[in-house]
PDB file of N, CA and C in Angstrom:
ATOM      1  N   MET A   1     -48.436  92.366 -49.875  1.00  0.00           N
ATOM      2  CA  MET A   1     -48.118  91.161 -50.616  1.00  0.00           C
ATOM      3  C   MET A   1     -48.945  90.016 -50.058  1.00  0.00           C
ATOM      4  N   PRO A   2     -49.983  89.638 -50.737  1.00  0.00           N
ATOM      5  CA  PRO A   2     -50.903  88.646 -50.171  1.00  0.00           C
ATOM      6  C   PRO A   2     -50.326  87.238 -50.117  1.00  0.00           C
ATOM      7  N   GLN A   3     -49.248  86.972 -50.831  1.00  0.00           N
ATOM      8  CA  GLN A   3     -48.734  85.609 -50.812  1.00  0.00           C
ATOM      9  C   GLN A   3     -47.980  85.291 -49.523  1.00  0.00           C
ATOM     10  N   MET A   4     -47.628  86.327 -48.754  1.00  0.00           N
ATOM     11  CA  MET A   4     -46.940  86.075 -47.496  1.00  0.00           C
ATOM     12  C   MET A   4     -47.945  85.638 -46.433  1.00  0.00           C
ATOM     13  N   ALA A   5     -47.491  84.850 -45.520  1.00  0.00           N
ATOM     14  CA  ALA A   5     -48.375  84.318 -44.479  1.00  0.00           C
ATOM     15  C   ALA A   5     -48.828  85.443 -43.549  1.00  0.00           C
ATOM     16  N   PRO A   6     -50.084  85.428 -43.139  1.00  0.00           N
ATOM     17  CA  PRO A   6     -50.550  86.484 -42.229  1.00  0.00           C
ATOM     18  C   PRO A   6     -49.842  86.473 -40.883  1.00  0.00           C
ATOM     19  N   LEU A   7     -49.407  85.303 -40.446  1.00  0.00           N
ATOM     20  CA  LEU A   7     -48.680  85.260 -39.179  1.00  0.00           C
ATOM     21  C   LEU A   7     -47.333  85.961 -39.259  1.00  0.00           C
ATOM     22  N   LEU A   8     -46.746  86.002 -40.435  1.00  0.00           N
ATOM     23  CA  LEU A   8     -45.471  86.696 -40.585  1.00  0.00           C
ATOM     24  C   LEU A   8     -45.639  88.181 -40.302  1.00  0.00           C
ATOM     25  N   TRP A   9     -46.741  88.774 -40.767  1.00  0.00           N
ATOM     26  CA  TRP A   9     -46.986  90.179 -40.499  1.00  0.00           C
ATOM     27  C   TRP A   9     -47.218  90.411 -39.012  1.00  0.00           C
ATOM     28  N   LEU A  10     -47.862  89.467 -38.370  1.00  0.00           N
ATOM     29  CA  LEU A  10     -48.071  89.586 -36.934  1.00  0.00           C
ATOM     30  C   LEU A  10     -46.744  89.525 -36.182  1.00  0.00           C
ATOM     31  N   TYR A  11     -45.845  88.634 -36.588  1.00  0.00           N
ATOM     32  CA  TYR A  11     -44.530  88.540 -35.968  1.00  0.00           C
ATOM     33  C   TYR A  11     -43.709  89.795 -36.214  1.00  0.00           C
ATOM     34  N   LEU A  12     -43.781  90.325 -37.424  1.00  0.00           N
ATOM     35  CA  LEU A  12     -43.049  91.545 -37.730  1.00  0.00           C
ATOM     36  C   LEU A  12     -43.582  92.733 -36.927  1.00  0.00           C
ATOM     37  N   PHE A  13     -44.895  92.812 -36.809  1.00  0.00           N
ATOM     38  CA  PHE A  13     -45.501  93.902 -36.043  1.00  0.00           C
ATOM     39  C   PHE A  13     -45.169  93.790 -34.561  1.00  0.00           C
ATOM     40  N   SER A  14     -45.211  92.585 -34.021  1.00  0.00           N
ATOM     41  CA  SER A  14     -44.866  92.409 -32.607  1.00  0.00           C
ATOM     42  C   SER A  14     -43.394  92.699 -32.363  1.00  0.00           C
ATOM     43  N   PHE A  15     -42.521  92.315 -33.286  1.00  0.00           N
ATOM     44  CA  PHE A  15     -41.107  92.631 -33.154  1.00  0.00           C
ATOM     45  C   PHE A  15     -40.888  94.137 -33.199  1.00  0.00           C
ATOM     46  N   PHE A  16     -41.586  94.825 -34.068  1.00  0.00           N
ATOM     47  CA  PHE A  16     -41.481  96.275 -34.146  1.00  0.00           C
ATOM     48  C   PHE A  16     -41.955  96.930 -32.851  1.00  0.00           C
ATOM     49  N   LEU A  17     -43.080  96.462 -32.306  1.00  0.00           N
ATOM     50  CA  LEU A  17     -43.589  97.056 -31.069  1.00  0.00           C
ATOM     51  C   LEU A  17     -42.659  96.806 -29.892  1.00  0.00           C
ATOM     52  N   ILE A  18     -42.127  95.604 -29.795  1.00  0.00           N
ATOM     53  CA  ILE A  18     -41.220  95.287 -28.692  1.00  0.00           C
ATOM     54  C   ILE A  18     -39.946  96.113 -28.789  1.00  0.00           C
ATOM     55  N   SER A  19     -39.399  96.241 -29.998  1.00  0.00           N
ATOM     56  CA  SER A  19     -38.184  97.033 -30.150  1.00  0.00           C
ATOM     57  C   SER A  19     -38.460  98.517 -29.902  1.00  0.00           C
ATOM     58  N   LEU A  20     -39.637  98.996 -30.282  1.00  0.00           N
ATOM     59  CA  LEU A  20     -39.987 100.392 -30.015  1.00  0.00           C
ATOM     60  C   LEU A  20     -40.119 100.648 -28.519  1.00  0.00           C
ATOM     61  N   PHE A  21     -40.769  99.749 -27.808  1.00  0.00           N
ATOM     62  CA  PHE A  21     -40.904  99.907 -26.362  1.00  0.00           C
ATOM     63  C   PHE A  21     -39.555  99.821 -25.662  1.00  0.00           C
ATOM     64  N   LEU A  22     -38.697  98.918 -26.099  1.00  0.00           N
ATOM     65  CA  LEU A  22     -37.363  98.834 -25.506  1.00  0.00           C
ATOM     66  C   LEU A  22     -36.567 100.109 -25.747  1.00  0.00           C
ATOM     67  N   PHE A  23     -36.671 100.649 -26.939  1.00  0.00           N
ATOM     68  CA  PHE A  23     -35.984 101.899 -27.253  1.00  0.00           C
ATOM     69  C   PHE A  23     -36.486 103.036 -26.375  1.00  0.00           C
ATOM     70  N   MET A  24     -37.801 103.132 -26.196  1.00  0.00           N
ATOM     71  CA  MET A  24     -38.357 104.199 -25.370  1.00  0.00           C
ATOM     72  C   MET A  24     -37.982 104.031 -23.903  1.00  0.00           C
ATOM     73  N   ILE A  25     -37.962 102.802 -23.420  1.00  0.00           N
ATOM     74  CA  ILE A  25     -37.585 102.549 -22.031  1.00  0.00           C
ATOM     75  C   ILE A  25     -36.111 102.872 -21.805  1.00  0.00           C
ATOM     76  N   MET A  26     -35.268 102.496 -22.755  1.00  0.00           N
ATOM     77  CA  MET A  26     -33.847 102.807 -22.612  1.00  0.00           C
ATOM     78  C   MET A  26     -33.592 104.308 -22.654  1.00  0.00           C
ATOM     79  N   ASN A  27     -34.322 105.031 -23.492  1.00  0.00           N
ATOM     80  CA  ASN A  27     -34.166 106.482 -23.533  1.00  0.00           C
ATOM     81  C   ASN A  27     -34.663 107.140 -22.261  1.00  0.00           C
ATOM     82  N   TYR A  28     -35.628 106.542 -21.609  1.00  0.00           N
ATOM     83  CA  TYR A  28     -36.142 107.117 -20.373  1.00  0.00           C
ATOM     84  C   TYR A  28     -35.156 106.936 -19.226  1.00  0.00           C
ATOM     85  N   PHE A  29     -34.537 105.760 -19.133  1.00  0.00           N
ATOM     86  CA  PHE A  29     -33.689 105.471 -17.986  1.00  0.00           C
ATOM     87  C   PHE A  29     -32.236 105.888 -18.171  1.00  0.00           C
ATOM     88  N   ILE A  30     -31.773 105.987 -19.387  1.00  0.00           N
ATOM     89  CA  ILE A  30     -30.386 106.381 -19.622  1.00  0.00           C
ATOM     90  C   ILE A  30     -30.358 107.884 -19.858  1.00  0.00           C
ATOM     91  N   THR A  31     -29.678 108.604 -18.980  1.00  0.00           N
ATOM     92  CA  THR A  31     -29.608 110.051 -19.103  1.00  0.00           C
ATOM     93  C   THR A  31     -28.399 110.434 -19.943  1.00  0.00           C
ATOM     94  N   PRO A  32     -28.474 111.527 -20.674  1.00  0.00           N
ATOM     95  CA  PRO A  32     -27.308 111.955 -21.454  1.00  0.00           C
ATOM     96  C   PRO A  32     -26.205 112.472 -20.553  1.00  0.00           C
ATOM     97  N   TYR A  33     -25.023 112.616 -21.130  1.00  0.00           N
ATOM     98  CA  TYR A  33     -23.890 113.110 -20.368  1.00  0.00           C
ATOM     99  C   TYR A  33     -24.133 114.553 -19.946  1.00  0.00           C
ATOM    100  N   SER A  34     -23.625 114.883 -18.767  1.00  0.00           N
ATOM    101  CA  SER A  34     -23.756 116.266 -18.313  1.00  0.00           C
ATOM    102  C   SER A  34     -22.763 117.137 -19.071  1.00  0.00           C
ATOM    103  N   LYS A  35     -23.229 118.293 -19.493  1.00  0.00           N
ATOM    104  CA  LYS A  35     -22.395 119.188 -20.279  1.00  0.00           C
ATOM    105  C   LYS A  35     -21.432 119.928 -19.363  1.00  0.00           C
ATOM    106  N   VAL A  36     -20.239 120.176 -19.883  1.00  0.00           N
ATOM    107  CA  VAL A  36     -19.240 120.933 -19.129  1.00  0.00           C
ATOM    108  C   VAL A  36     -19.578 122.406 -19.272  1.00  0.00           C
ATOM    109  N   GLU A  37     -19.620 123.095 -18.156  1.00  0.00           N
ATOM    110  CA  GLU A  37     -19.965 124.511 -18.196  1.00  0.00           C
ATOM    111  C   GLU A  37     -18.806 125.315 -18.786  1.00  0.00           C
ATOM    112  N   ALA A  38     -19.141 126.357 -19.515  1.00  0.00           N
ATOM    113  CA  ALA A  38     -18.116 127.181 -20.153  1.00  0.00           C
ATOM    114  C   ALA A  38     -17.340 127.991 -19.126  1.00  0.00           C
ATOM    115  N   SER A  39     -17.938 128.302 -17.983  1.00  0.00           N
ATOM    116  CA  SER A  39     -17.247 129.103 -16.974  1.00  0.00           C
ATOM    117  C   SER A  39     -16.104 128.315 -16.336  1.00  0.00           C
ATOM    118  N   SER A  40     -16.225 127.002 -16.287  1.00  0.00           N
ATOM    119  CA  SER A  40     -15.146 126.222 -15.694  1.00  0.00           C
ATOM    120  C   SER A  40     -13.966 126.074 -16.647  1.00  0.00           C
ATOM    121  N   LEU A  41     -14.196 126.300 -17.941  1.00  0.00           N
ATOM    122  CA  LEU A  41     -13.112 126.177 -18.904  1.00  0.00           C
ATOM    123  C   LEU A  41     -12.257 127.440 -18.987  1.00  0.00           C
ATOM    124  N   LYS A  42     -12.781 128.566 -18.541  1.00  0.00           N
ATOM    125  CA  LYS A  42     -12.036 129.814 -18.612  1.00  0.00           C
ATOM    126  C   LYS A  42     -10.979 129.841 -17.515  1.00  0.00           C
ATOM    127  N   THR A  43      -9.817 130.381 -17.862  1.00  0.00           N
ATOM    128  CA  THR A  43      -8.758 130.520 -16.864  1.00  0.00           C
ATOM    129  C   THR A  43      -8.959 131.819 -16.098  1.00  0.00           C
ATOM    130  N   LEU A  44      -8.581 131.807 -14.855  1.00  0.00           N
ATOM    131  CA  LEU A  44      -8.732 132.985 -14.017  1.00  0.00           C
ATOM    132  C   LEU A  44      -7.454 133.810 -13.967  1.00  0.00           C
ATOM    133  N   LYS A  45      -6.539 133.533 -14.844  1.00  0.00           N
ATOM    134  CA  LYS A  45      -5.264 134.234 -14.877  1.00  0.00           C
ATOM    135  C   LYS A  45      -5.479 135.633 -15.450  1.00  0.00           C
ATOM    136  N   THR A  46      -5.097 136.656 -14.694  1.00  0.00           N
ATOM    137  CA  THR A  46      -5.374 138.019 -15.129  1.00  0.00           C
ATOM    138  C   THR A  46      -4.210 138.628 -15.915  1.00  0.00           C
ATOM    139  N   ASP A  47      -2.978 138.293 -15.567  1.00  0.00           N
ATOM    140  CA  ASP A  47      -1.862 138.879 -16.310  1.00  0.00           C
ATOM    141  C   ASP A  47      -1.652 138.156 -17.632  1.00  0.00           C
ATOM    142  N   LYS A  48      -1.306 138.904 -18.646  1.00  0.00           N
ATOM    143  CA  LYS A  48      -1.148 138.334 -19.976  1.00  0.00           C
ATOM    144  C   LYS A  48       0.330 138.174 -20.262  1.00  0.00           C
ATOM    145  N   ASP A  49       0.725 136.950 -20.579  1.00  0.00           N
ATOM    146  CA  ASP A  49       2.138 136.650 -20.765  1.00  0.00           C
ATOM    147  C   ASP A  49       2.694 137.239 -22.062  1.00  0.00           C
ATOM    148  N   TRP A  50       1.844 137.466 -23.043  1.00  0.00           N
ATOM    149  CA  TRP A  50       2.338 137.917 -24.323  1.00  0.00           C
ATOM    150  C   TRP A  50       2.514 139.436 -24.380  1.00  0.00           C
ATOM    151  N   LYS A  51       2.053 140.148 -23.366  1.00  0.00           N
ATOM    152  CA  LYS A  51       2.234 141.602 -23.320  1.00  0.00           C
ATOM    153  C   LYS A  51       3.384 141.942 -22.400  1.00  0.00           C
ATOM    154  N   TRP A  52       4.134 143.011 -22.755  1.00  0.00           N
ATOM    155  CA  TRP A  52       5.306 143.393 -21.933  1.00  0.00           C
ATOM    156  C   TRP A  52       4.877 144.380 -20.926  1.00  0.00           C
TER     157      TRP A  52
END
């Protein structure tokens, strides 16, 4: 759209680059949650209560 000011495109591009860099930096430093292992969720109970 040529009727828009050229500086507006520069501001939009700089805002996009700054937000992209912030997003990448935050993804680098913030680690995801550690997953719970399936072996810790299993019970070690050997006898079955529902069997006689």
